[in-house]
Amino acid sequence: MQDETPRIYVGCVAACINGIPHGQWIDATQDVDCILRDIKDMLSRSPMPNAGMCAIYDYINFCGIHIREYERIETVQKLAKLCKEHGSLFGALYNRILDVDAAIRYIEYAYEGDYDNVAEWVMKTYSHEEQLYDIPEDLRVYFDYIGFVRDRAWGCEVFSVEADGRTHVFYLGDNA
């Protein structure tokens, strides 16, 4: 089984500038203090004297999220933990809104689940509602589910992201 732990490759900037690759892969889900200790240990082994500056030169398993070279370690660790916990759903959501705290709130309070498409969500969510019961069952197939969701999205009530071949729906309610 392949390890899918989010990791960062942190390297010594001074060594890199001098053409000497020096760095190490670090588990980004561990405590911030442990990550900083690993970085400090890597820098202490640098072939460059008094090495003190590092950069993130590579990363893996961050669910499609771009990690900048000089990203704060606290941010990297938070993103890594959320990727590990929620997988590609978090990556897709974060890449859409670019706000870690909002993404957490949406997952906790607005996540409706995953569906084949948004029309399936509308049918499952609203098929028992009075509005659709007023439409004769043989005519419900003509209801524009996609248009309904589009109108809700324009009102900032609902949005979706694609992850793992599924449509993940977030409903913010009428208070959006």
N, C-alpha and C. Protein backbone atom coordinates (compact mmCIF):
# COMPACT_ATOMS: atom_id res chain seq x y z
N MET A 1 0.84 -1.19 0.00
CA MET A 1 0.00 0.00 0.00
C MET A 1 0.89 1.25 0.00
N GLN A 2 0.53 2.20 -0.84
CA GLN A 2 1.30 3.42 -0.97
C GLN A 2 0.98 4.38 0.16
N ASP A 3 2.03 4.99 0.72
CA ASP A 3 1.85 5.98 1.78
C ASP A 3 1.32 7.26 1.16
N GLU A 4 0.18 7.73 1.64
CA GLU A 4 -0.41 8.95 1.09
C GLU A 4 -0.33 10.12 2.06
N THR A 5 0.62 10.05 2.98
CA THR A 5 0.82 11.12 3.93
C THR A 5 1.37 12.35 3.21
N PRO A 6 0.77 13.51 3.41
CA PRO A 6 1.31 14.73 2.80
C PRO A 6 2.72 15.00 3.34
N ARG A 7 3.65 15.20 2.42
CA ARG A 7 5.04 15.46 2.80
C ARG A 7 5.59 16.63 2.00
N ILE A 8 6.58 17.29 2.59
CA ILE A 8 7.26 18.40 1.93
C ILE A 8 8.75 18.08 1.84
N TYR A 9 9.36 18.50 0.74
CA TYR A 9 10.81 18.39 0.62
C TYR A 9 11.38 19.76 0.93
N VAL A 10 12.05 19.86 2.06
CA VAL A 10 12.62 21.13 2.51
C VAL A 10 14.12 21.07 2.28
N GLY A 11 14.64 22.11 1.64
CA GLY A 11 16.06 22.14 1.33
C GLY A 11 16.74 23.38 1.84
N CYS A 12 18.04 23.28 1.94
CA CYS A 12 18.88 24.40 2.37
C CYS A 12 19.07 25.34 1.18
N VAL A 13 18.68 26.58 1.33
CA VAL A 13 18.77 27.56 0.24
C VAL A 13 20.23 27.82 -0.13
N ALA A 14 21.10 27.98 0.85
CA ALA A 14 22.52 28.26 0.58
C ALA A 14 23.15 27.13 -0.22
N ALA A 15 22.85 25.90 0.14
CA ALA A 15 23.40 24.76 -0.60
C ALA A 15 22.86 24.75 -2.03
N CYS A 16 21.59 24.99 -2.18
CA CYS A 16 20.97 25.00 -3.51
C CYS A 16 21.59 26.06 -4.40
N ILE A 17 21.79 27.25 -3.86
CA ILE A 17 22.38 28.35 -4.63
C ILE A 17 23.78 27.97 -5.10
N ASN A 18 24.48 27.19 -4.29
CA ASN A 18 25.85 26.76 -4.64
C ASN A 18 25.88 25.44 -5.41
N GLY A 19 24.71 24.99 -5.88
CA GLY A 19 24.65 23.79 -6.71
C GLY A 19 24.81 22.48 -5.96
N ILE A 20 24.60 22.51 -4.65
CA ILE A 20 24.72 21.29 -3.84
C ILE A 20 23.33 20.95 -3.31
N PRO A 21 22.71 19.92 -3.87
CA PRO A 21 21.38 19.57 -3.36
C PRO A 21 21.47 19.04 -1.94
N HIS A 22 20.75 19.68 -1.03
CA HIS A 22 20.73 19.21 0.36
C HIS A 22 19.35 19.51 0.95
N GLY A 23 18.68 18.47 1.38
CA GLY A 23 17.37 18.63 1.97
C GLY A 23 16.82 17.28 2.40
N GLN A 24 15.56 17.27 2.83
CA GLN A 24 14.95 16.01 3.21
C GLN A 24 13.44 16.11 3.13
N TRP A 25 12.81 14.93 2.93
CA TRP A 25 11.36 14.83 2.94
C TRP A 25 10.90 14.80 4.39
N ILE A 26 9.85 15.56 4.68
CA ILE A 26 9.33 15.67 6.05
C ILE A 26 7.83 15.43 6.04
N ASP A 27 7.37 14.63 6.98
CA ASP A 27 5.94 14.39 7.18
C ASP A 27 5.30 15.71 7.61
N ALA A 28 4.41 16.25 6.78
CA ALA A 28 3.82 17.56 7.05
C ALA A 28 2.62 17.49 7.99
N THR A 29 2.22 16.27 8.39
CA THR A 29 1.06 16.15 9.28
C THR A 29 1.47 16.14 10.76
N GLN A 30 2.75 16.05 11.03
CA GLN A 30 3.19 16.03 12.42
C GLN A 30 3.07 17.44 13.02
N ASP A 31 3.25 17.53 14.33
CA ASP A 31 3.15 18.82 15.00
C ASP A 31 4.13 19.82 14.39
N VAL A 32 3.75 21.09 14.40
CA VAL A 32 4.59 22.14 13.85
C VAL A 32 5.98 22.11 14.48
N ASP A 33 6.05 21.92 15.80
CA ASP A 33 7.35 21.88 16.47
C ASP A 33 8.22 20.75 15.94
N CYS A 34 7.63 19.61 15.64
CA CYS A 34 8.39 18.47 15.09
C CYS A 34 8.89 18.79 13.68
N ILE A 35 8.06 19.45 12.89
CA ILE A 35 8.47 19.84 11.53
C ILE A 35 9.64 20.81 11.63
N LEU A 36 9.51 21.80 12.50
CA LEU A 36 10.58 22.80 12.65
C LEU A 36 11.87 22.14 13.17
N ARG A 37 11.74 21.16 14.05
CA ARG A 37 12.91 20.43 14.54
C ARG A 37 13.57 19.66 13.40
N ASP A 38 12.77 19.01 12.56
CA ASP A 38 13.32 18.29 11.41
C ASP A 38 14.04 19.24 10.45
N ILE A 39 13.49 20.42 10.26
CA ILE A 39 14.13 21.41 9.39
C ILE A 39 15.45 21.87 10.00
N LYS A 40 15.42 22.15 11.28
CA LYS A 40 16.64 22.58 11.98
C LYS A 40 17.72 21.49 11.89
N ASP A 41 17.33 20.24 12.08
CA ASP A 41 18.28 19.12 11.98
C ASP A 41 18.86 19.03 10.56
N MET A 42 18.00 19.20 9.55
CA MET A 42 18.47 19.15 8.17
C MET A 42 19.46 20.27 7.91
N LEU A 43 19.16 21.48 8.38
CA LEU A 43 20.06 22.61 8.18
C LEU A 43 21.38 22.41 8.92
N SER A 44 21.34 21.74 10.08
CA SER A 44 22.58 21.51 10.84
C SER A 44 23.52 20.55 10.10
N ARG A 45 22.98 19.74 9.20
CA ARG A 45 23.80 18.81 8.41
C ARG A 45 24.18 19.38 7.05
N SER A 46 23.83 20.62 6.81
CA SER A 46 24.09 21.24 5.51
C SER A 46 25.60 21.31 5.24
N PRO A 47 25.98 21.13 3.97
CA PRO A 47 27.40 21.28 3.62
C PRO A 47 27.85 22.74 3.65
N MET A 48 26.90 23.65 3.78
CA MET A 48 27.24 25.07 3.83
C MET A 48 27.34 25.52 5.28
N PRO A 49 28.39 26.22 5.64
CA PRO A 49 28.53 26.68 7.03
C PRO A 49 27.45 27.71 7.37
N ASN A 50 26.96 27.65 8.58
CA ASN A 50 25.97 28.60 9.10
C ASN A 50 24.70 28.65 8.26
N ALA A 51 24.31 27.53 7.71
CA ALA A 51 23.08 27.50 6.92
C ALA A 51 21.90 27.80 7.82
N GLY A 52 21.06 28.70 7.38
CA GLY A 52 19.92 29.05 8.23
C GLY A 52 18.62 29.26 7.48
N MET A 53 18.69 29.30 6.16
CA MET A 53 17.48 29.56 5.39
C MET A 53 17.09 28.31 4.62
N CYS A 54 15.80 28.03 4.65
CA CYS A 54 15.30 26.85 3.94
C CYS A 54 14.12 27.25 3.06
N ALA A 55 13.77 26.34 2.17
CA ALA A 55 12.62 26.54 1.29
C ALA A 55 11.98 25.19 1.02
N ILE A 56 10.71 25.23 0.68
CA ILE A 56 10.00 24.01 0.29
C ILE A 56 10.17 23.87 -1.21
N TYR A 57 10.94 22.87 -1.62
CA TYR A 57 11.24 22.68 -3.03
C TYR A 57 10.32 21.68 -3.71
N ASP A 58 9.62 20.88 -2.93
CA ASP A 58 8.70 19.92 -3.52
C ASP A 58 7.69 19.49 -2.45
N TYR A 59 6.63 18.86 -2.90
CA TYR A 59 5.61 18.37 -1.97
C TYR A 59 4.80 17.29 -2.67
N ILE A 60 4.24 16.39 -1.88
CA ILE A 60 3.40 15.33 -2.44
C ILE A 60 2.20 15.10 -1.53
N ASN A 61 1.14 14.58 -2.12
CA ASN A 61 -0.08 14.18 -1.41
C ASN A 61 -0.82 15.35 -0.75
N PHE A 62 -0.83 16.49 -1.42
CA PHE A 62 -1.58 17.64 -0.92
C PHE A 62 -2.88 17.84 -1.71
N CYS A 63 -3.39 16.78 -2.30
CA CYS A 63 -4.72 16.78 -2.94
C CYS A 63 -4.90 17.89 -3.96
N GLY A 64 -3.85 18.19 -4.71
CA GLY A 64 -3.95 19.21 -5.76
C GLY A 64 -3.74 20.64 -5.27
N ILE A 65 -3.47 20.82 -4.00
CA ILE A 65 -3.24 22.16 -3.46
C ILE A 65 -1.79 22.56 -3.75
N HIS A 66 -1.60 23.78 -4.22
CA HIS A 66 -0.26 24.30 -4.51
C HIS A 66 0.37 24.83 -3.22
N ILE A 67 1.56 24.33 -2.91
CA ILE A 67 2.30 24.81 -1.74
C ILE A 67 3.43 25.70 -2.24
N ARG A 68 3.45 26.93 -1.74
CA ARG A 68 4.48 27.88 -2.16
C ARG A 68 5.82 27.56 -1.49
N GLU A 69 6.88 28.01 -2.13
CA GLU A 69 8.24 27.74 -1.68
C GLU A 69 8.51 28.24 -0.25
N TYR A 70 7.94 29.38 0.09
CA TYR A 70 8.18 29.97 1.42
C TYR A 70 6.89 30.04 2.24
N GLU A 71 6.01 29.08 2.03
CA GLU A 71 4.75 29.00 2.79
C GLU A 71 5.06 28.82 4.28
N ARG A 72 4.27 29.42 5.11
CA ARG A 72 4.44 29.27 6.56
C ARG A 72 4.23 27.80 6.94
N ILE A 73 5.08 27.28 7.79
CA ILE A 73 4.99 25.87 8.20
C ILE A 73 3.66 25.60 8.89
N GLU A 74 3.14 26.56 9.65
CA GLU A 74 1.84 26.38 10.31
C GLU A 74 0.73 26.16 9.28
N THR A 75 0.79 26.91 8.19
CA THR A 75 -0.20 26.76 7.13
C THR A 75 -0.05 25.41 6.43
N VAL A 76 1.20 25.05 6.13
CA VAL A 76 1.46 23.77 5.47
C VAL A 76 0.94 22.61 6.32
N GLN A 77 1.22 22.67 7.61
CA GLN A 77 0.80 21.59 8.51
C GLN A 77 -0.72 21.50 8.58
N LYS A 78 -1.38 22.64 8.64
CA LYS A 78 -2.85 22.66 8.70
C LYS A 78 -3.44 22.07 7.42
N LEU A 79 -2.91 22.47 6.27
CA LEU A 79 -3.37 21.93 5.00
C LEU A 79 -3.12 20.43 4.92
N ALA A 80 -1.96 20.00 5.39
CA ALA A 80 -1.60 18.57 5.35
C ALA A 80 -2.57 17.75 6.19
N LYS A 81 -2.86 18.22 7.39
CA LYS A 81 -3.78 17.47 8.26
C LYS A 81 -5.18 17.37 7.64
N LEU A 82 -5.64 18.46 7.04
CA LEU A 82 -6.96 18.45 6.42
C LEU A 82 -7.00 17.57 5.17
N CYS A 83 -5.91 17.55 4.41
CA CYS A 83 -5.83 16.65 3.25
C CYS A 83 -5.85 15.20 3.72
N LYS A 84 -5.13 14.92 4.78
CA LYS A 84 -5.09 13.54 5.30
C LYS A 84 -6.48 13.13 5.80
N GLU A 85 -7.18 14.05 6.46
CA GLU A 85 -8.49 13.75 7.04
C GLU A 85 -9.60 13.66 5.99
N HIS A 86 -9.62 14.61 5.05
CA HIS A 86 -10.74 14.72 4.11
C HIS A 86 -10.39 14.34 2.66
N GLY A 87 -9.12 14.14 2.37
CA GLY A 87 -8.71 13.72 1.04
C GLY A 87 -8.97 14.76 -0.04
N SER A 88 -9.25 14.26 -1.23
CA SER A 88 -9.38 15.14 -2.39
C SER A 88 -10.58 16.09 -2.29
N LEU A 89 -11.57 15.76 -1.45
CA LEU A 89 -12.68 16.68 -1.22
C LEU A 89 -12.15 18.00 -0.68
N PHE A 90 -11.28 17.93 0.33
CA PHE A 90 -10.72 19.16 0.90
C PHE A 90 -9.90 19.90 -0.15
N GLY A 91 -9.08 19.17 -0.90
CA GLY A 91 -8.26 19.81 -1.92
C GLY A 91 -9.09 20.57 -2.93
N ALA A 92 -10.14 19.95 -3.43
CA ALA A 92 -11.01 20.60 -4.42
C ALA A 92 -11.71 21.82 -3.82
N LEU A 93 -12.19 21.68 -2.59
CA LEU A 93 -12.88 22.79 -1.93
C LEU A 93 -11.92 23.94 -1.66
N TYR A 94 -10.75 23.63 -1.11
CA TYR A 94 -9.77 24.68 -0.83
C TYR A 94 -9.35 25.40 -2.12
N ASN A 95 -9.12 24.65 -3.17
CA ASN A 95 -8.72 25.27 -4.43
C ASN A 95 -9.81 26.17 -5.01
N ARG A 96 -11.05 25.93 -4.64
CA ARG A 96 -12.14 26.78 -5.12
C ARG A 96 -12.24 28.07 -4.31
N ILE A 97 -12.09 27.98 -2.98
CA ILE A 97 -12.33 29.17 -2.15
C ILE A 97 -11.07 29.78 -1.55
N LEU A 98 -9.96 29.02 -1.52
CA LEU A 98 -8.65 29.50 -1.04
C LEU A 98 -8.70 30.08 0.37
N ASP A 99 -9.49 29.47 1.22
CA ASP A 99 -9.61 29.92 2.60
C ASP A 99 -9.76 28.67 3.48
N VAL A 100 -8.73 28.38 4.27
CA VAL A 100 -8.71 27.15 5.07
C VAL A 100 -9.87 27.12 6.06
N ASP A 101 -10.06 28.21 6.79
CA ASP A 101 -11.10 28.22 7.82
C ASP A 101 -12.50 28.10 7.21
N ALA A 102 -12.73 28.77 6.09
CA ALA A 102 -14.04 28.66 5.43
C ALA A 102 -14.25 27.24 4.92
N ALA A 103 -13.21 26.63 4.38
CA ALA A 103 -13.33 25.25 3.89
C ALA A 103 -13.72 24.30 5.03
N ILE A 104 -13.12 24.49 6.18
CA ILE A 104 -13.45 23.66 7.35
C ILE A 104 -14.92 23.86 7.73
N ARG A 105 -15.36 25.12 7.78
CA ARG A 105 -16.76 25.41 8.12
C ARG A 105 -17.71 24.77 7.12
N TYR A 106 -17.39 24.88 5.83
CA TYR A 106 -18.26 24.30 4.81
C TYR A 106 -18.35 22.79 4.96
N ILE A 107 -17.24 22.13 5.23
CA ILE A 107 -17.26 20.68 5.39
C ILE A 107 -18.08 20.30 6.62
N GLU A 108 -17.92 21.05 7.70
CA GLU A 108 -18.62 20.72 8.95
C GLU A 108 -20.10 21.06 8.91
N TYR A 109 -20.47 22.17 8.29
CA TYR A 109 -21.85 22.65 8.42
C TYR A 109 -22.67 22.69 7.13
N ALA A 110 -22.03 22.61 5.97
CA ALA A 110 -22.79 22.78 4.74
C ALA A 110 -22.68 21.60 3.78
N TYR A 111 -21.88 20.61 4.13
CA TYR A 111 -21.66 19.50 3.20
C TYR A 111 -22.89 18.61 3.13
N GLU A 112 -23.40 18.42 1.92
CA GLU A 112 -24.60 17.63 1.68
C GLU A 112 -24.30 16.21 1.22
N GLY A 113 -23.06 15.95 0.84
CA GLY A 113 -22.69 14.62 0.38
C GLY A 113 -22.19 14.62 -1.05
N ASP A 114 -21.90 13.41 -1.55
CA ASP A 114 -21.41 13.30 -2.92
C ASP A 114 -22.46 12.61 -3.78
N TYR A 115 -22.54 13.05 -5.02
CA TYR A 115 -23.56 12.59 -5.96
C TYR A 115 -22.94 12.41 -7.33
N ASP A 116 -23.70 11.77 -8.21
CA ASP A 116 -23.25 11.63 -9.60
C ASP A 116 -23.17 13.00 -10.27
N ASN A 117 -24.11 13.88 -9.92
CA ASN A 117 -24.17 15.24 -10.47
C ASN A 117 -25.10 16.07 -9.58
N VAL A 118 -25.18 17.36 -9.84
CA VAL A 118 -26.01 18.22 -8.99
C VAL A 118 -27.49 17.91 -9.15
N ALA A 119 -27.88 17.45 -10.33
CA ALA A 119 -29.29 17.11 -10.54
C ALA A 119 -29.72 16.00 -9.58
N GLU A 120 -28.85 15.03 -9.35
CA GLU A 120 -29.18 13.96 -8.41
C GLU A 120 -29.42 14.52 -7.00
N TRP A 121 -28.58 15.49 -6.61
CA TRP A 121 -28.76 16.12 -5.29
C TRP A 121 -30.12 16.81 -5.22
N VAL A 122 -30.49 17.57 -6.25
CA VAL A 122 -31.77 18.26 -6.25
C VAL A 122 -32.91 17.25 -6.15
N MET A 123 -32.85 16.20 -6.96
CA MET A 123 -33.92 15.20 -6.94
C MET A 123 -34.05 14.56 -5.56
N LYS A 124 -32.94 14.22 -4.94
CA LYS A 124 -33.00 13.57 -3.63
C LYS A 124 -33.42 14.55 -2.53
N THR A 125 -33.00 15.79 -2.67
CA THR A 125 -33.28 16.78 -1.63
C THR A 125 -34.70 17.33 -1.74
N TYR A 126 -35.16 17.57 -2.96
CA TYR A 126 -36.43 18.26 -3.14
C TYR A 126 -37.56 17.37 -3.63
N SER A 127 -37.32 16.09 -3.88
CA SER A 127 -38.38 15.24 -4.43
C SER A 127 -39.53 15.06 -3.45
N HIS A 128 -39.27 15.21 -2.16
CA HIS A 128 -40.34 15.07 -1.17
C HIS A 128 -40.98 16.42 -0.80
N GLU A 129 -40.48 17.49 -1.36
CA GLU A 129 -41.01 18.82 -1.05
C GLU A 129 -42.36 19.05 -1.73
N GLU A 130 -43.16 19.85 -1.11
CA GLU A 130 -44.49 20.15 -1.66
C GLU A 130 -44.44 20.73 -3.06
N GLN A 131 -43.41 21.57 -3.31
CA GLN A 131 -43.34 22.20 -4.63
C GLN A 131 -43.31 21.17 -5.74
N LEU A 132 -42.57 20.09 -5.56
CA LEU A 132 -42.50 19.07 -6.61
C LEU A 132 -43.71 18.17 -6.60
N TYR A 133 -44.38 18.02 -5.46
CA TYR A 133 -45.60 17.20 -5.43
C TYR A 133 -46.72 17.87 -6.21
N ASP A 134 -46.64 19.20 -6.32
CA ASP A 134 -47.65 19.90 -7.10
C ASP A 134 -47.51 19.61 -8.60
N ILE A 135 -46.34 19.15 -8.99
CA ILE A 135 -46.11 18.80 -10.40
C ILE A 135 -46.46 17.32 -10.56
N PRO A 136 -47.34 17.00 -11.50
CA PRO A 136 -47.67 15.58 -11.71
C PRO A 136 -46.39 14.76 -11.94
N GLU A 137 -46.37 13.56 -11.38
CA GLU A 137 -45.16 12.73 -11.42
C GLU A 137 -44.65 12.51 -12.84
N ASP A 138 -45.54 12.31 -13.81
CA ASP A 138 -45.10 12.05 -15.18
C ASP A 138 -44.51 13.31 -15.84
N LEU A 139 -44.74 14.49 -15.24
CA LEU A 139 -44.18 15.72 -15.78
C LEU A 139 -42.91 16.16 -15.04
N ARG A 140 -42.60 15.53 -13.92
CA ARG A 140 -41.42 15.92 -13.14
C ARG A 140 -40.12 15.71 -13.91
N VAL A 141 -40.13 14.80 -14.86
CA VAL A 141 -38.92 14.56 -15.67
C VAL A 141 -38.55 15.79 -16.49
N TYR A 142 -39.49 16.71 -16.66
CA TYR A 142 -39.22 17.91 -17.43
C TYR A 142 -38.74 19.07 -16.56
N PHE A 143 -38.71 18.85 -15.27
CA PHE A 143 -38.23 19.89 -14.35
C PHE A 143 -36.74 20.13 -14.61
N ASP A 144 -36.35 21.37 -14.72
CA ASP A 144 -34.95 21.73 -15.01
C ASP A 144 -34.13 21.76 -13.72
N TYR A 145 -33.66 20.57 -13.31
CA TYR A 145 -32.88 20.46 -12.07
C TYR A 145 -31.59 21.27 -12.13
N ILE A 146 -30.92 21.22 -13.27
CA ILE A 146 -29.67 21.96 -13.42
C ILE A 146 -29.94 23.47 -13.32
N GLY A 147 -30.98 23.93 -13.96
CA GLY A 147 -31.35 25.34 -13.88
C GLY A 147 -31.69 25.76 -12.45
N PHE A 148 -32.37 24.86 -11.74
CA PHE A 148 -32.71 25.12 -10.35
C PHE A 148 -31.45 25.32 -9.52
N VAL A 149 -30.47 24.43 -9.68
CA VAL A 149 -29.21 24.56 -8.94
C VAL A 149 -28.46 25.81 -9.37
N ARG A 150 -28.47 26.10 -10.67
CA ARG A 150 -27.79 27.30 -11.17
C ARG A 150 -28.37 28.55 -10.51
N ASP A 151 -29.70 28.61 -10.41
CA ASP A 151 -30.34 29.76 -9.77
C ASP A 151 -29.98 29.83 -8.30
N ARG A 152 -29.92 28.69 -7.64
CA ARG A 152 -29.51 28.66 -6.23
C ARG A 152 -28.06 29.10 -6.09
N ALA A 153 -27.21 28.69 -7.04
CA ALA A 153 -25.80 29.08 -6.99
C ALA A 153 -25.66 30.59 -7.17
N TRP A 154 -26.46 31.17 -8.06
CA TRP A 154 -26.41 32.62 -8.25
C TRP A 154 -26.81 33.33 -6.97
N GLY A 155 -27.68 32.73 -6.20
CA GLY A 155 -28.08 33.30 -4.92
C GLY A 155 -27.13 32.92 -3.80
N CYS A 156 -26.02 32.28 -4.15
CA CYS A 156 -24.98 31.86 -3.19
C CYS A 156 -25.51 30.89 -2.14
N GLU A 157 -26.51 30.11 -2.50
CA GLU A 157 -27.07 29.15 -1.55
C GLU A 157 -26.45 27.77 -1.68
N VAL A 158 -25.99 27.44 -2.88
CA VAL A 158 -25.46 26.10 -3.11
C VAL A 158 -24.30 26.18 -4.10
N PHE A 159 -23.30 25.33 -3.89
CA PHE A 159 -22.23 25.19 -4.86
C PHE A 159 -21.69 23.78 -4.77
N SER A 160 -20.93 23.39 -5.77
CA SER A 160 -20.38 22.04 -5.78
C SER A 160 -18.94 22.06 -6.25
N VAL A 161 -18.22 21.00 -5.89
CA VAL A 161 -16.86 20.78 -6.38
C VAL A 161 -16.77 19.34 -6.87
N GLU A 162 -15.88 19.10 -7.80
CA GLU A 162 -15.67 17.75 -8.32
C GLU A 162 -14.43 17.17 -7.66
N ALA A 163 -14.56 15.94 -7.16
CA ALA A 163 -13.41 15.24 -6.57
C ALA A 163 -13.67 13.74 -6.66
N ASP A 164 -12.66 13.01 -7.06
CA ASP A 164 -12.74 11.55 -7.18
C ASP A 164 -13.90 11.10 -8.07
N GLY A 165 -14.18 11.86 -9.12
CA GLY A 165 -15.23 11.48 -10.05
C GLY A 165 -16.64 11.68 -9.52
N ARG A 166 -16.78 12.39 -8.42
CA ARG A 166 -18.09 12.64 -7.81
C ARG A 166 -18.30 14.14 -7.67
N THR A 167 -19.57 14.53 -7.61
CA THR A 167 -19.94 15.92 -7.38
C THR A 167 -20.27 16.07 -5.90
N HIS A 168 -19.53 16.92 -5.21
CA HIS A 168 -19.73 17.15 -3.78
C HIS A 168 -20.49 18.47 -3.62
N VAL A 169 -21.63 18.40 -2.96
CA VAL A 169 -22.54 19.54 -2.88
C VAL A 169 -22.48 20.17 -1.49
N PHE A 170 -22.49 21.50 -1.48
CA PHE A 170 -22.51 22.29 -0.26
C PHE A 170 -23.72 23.20 -0.32
N TYR A 171 -24.55 23.11 0.70
CA TYR A 171 -25.77 23.93 0.75
C TYR A 171 -25.64 24.90 1.92
N LEU A 172 -25.65 26.18 1.61
CA LEU A 172 -25.49 27.20 2.63
C LEU A 172 -26.81 27.70 3.17
N GLY A 173 -27.88 27.21 2.62
CA GLY A 173 -29.20 27.58 3.10
C GLY A 173 -29.66 28.92 2.59
N ASP A 174 -30.79 29.31 3.11
CA ASP A 174 -31.38 30.58 2.67
C ASP A 174 -30.70 31.79 3.29
N ASN A 175 -29.78 31.55 4.23
CA ASN A 175 -29.08 32.64 4.91
C ASN A 175 -27.75 32.96 4.24
N ALA A 176 -27.49 32.42 3.06
CA ALA A 176 -26.19 32.53 2.41
C ALA A 176 -25.79 33.95 2.12
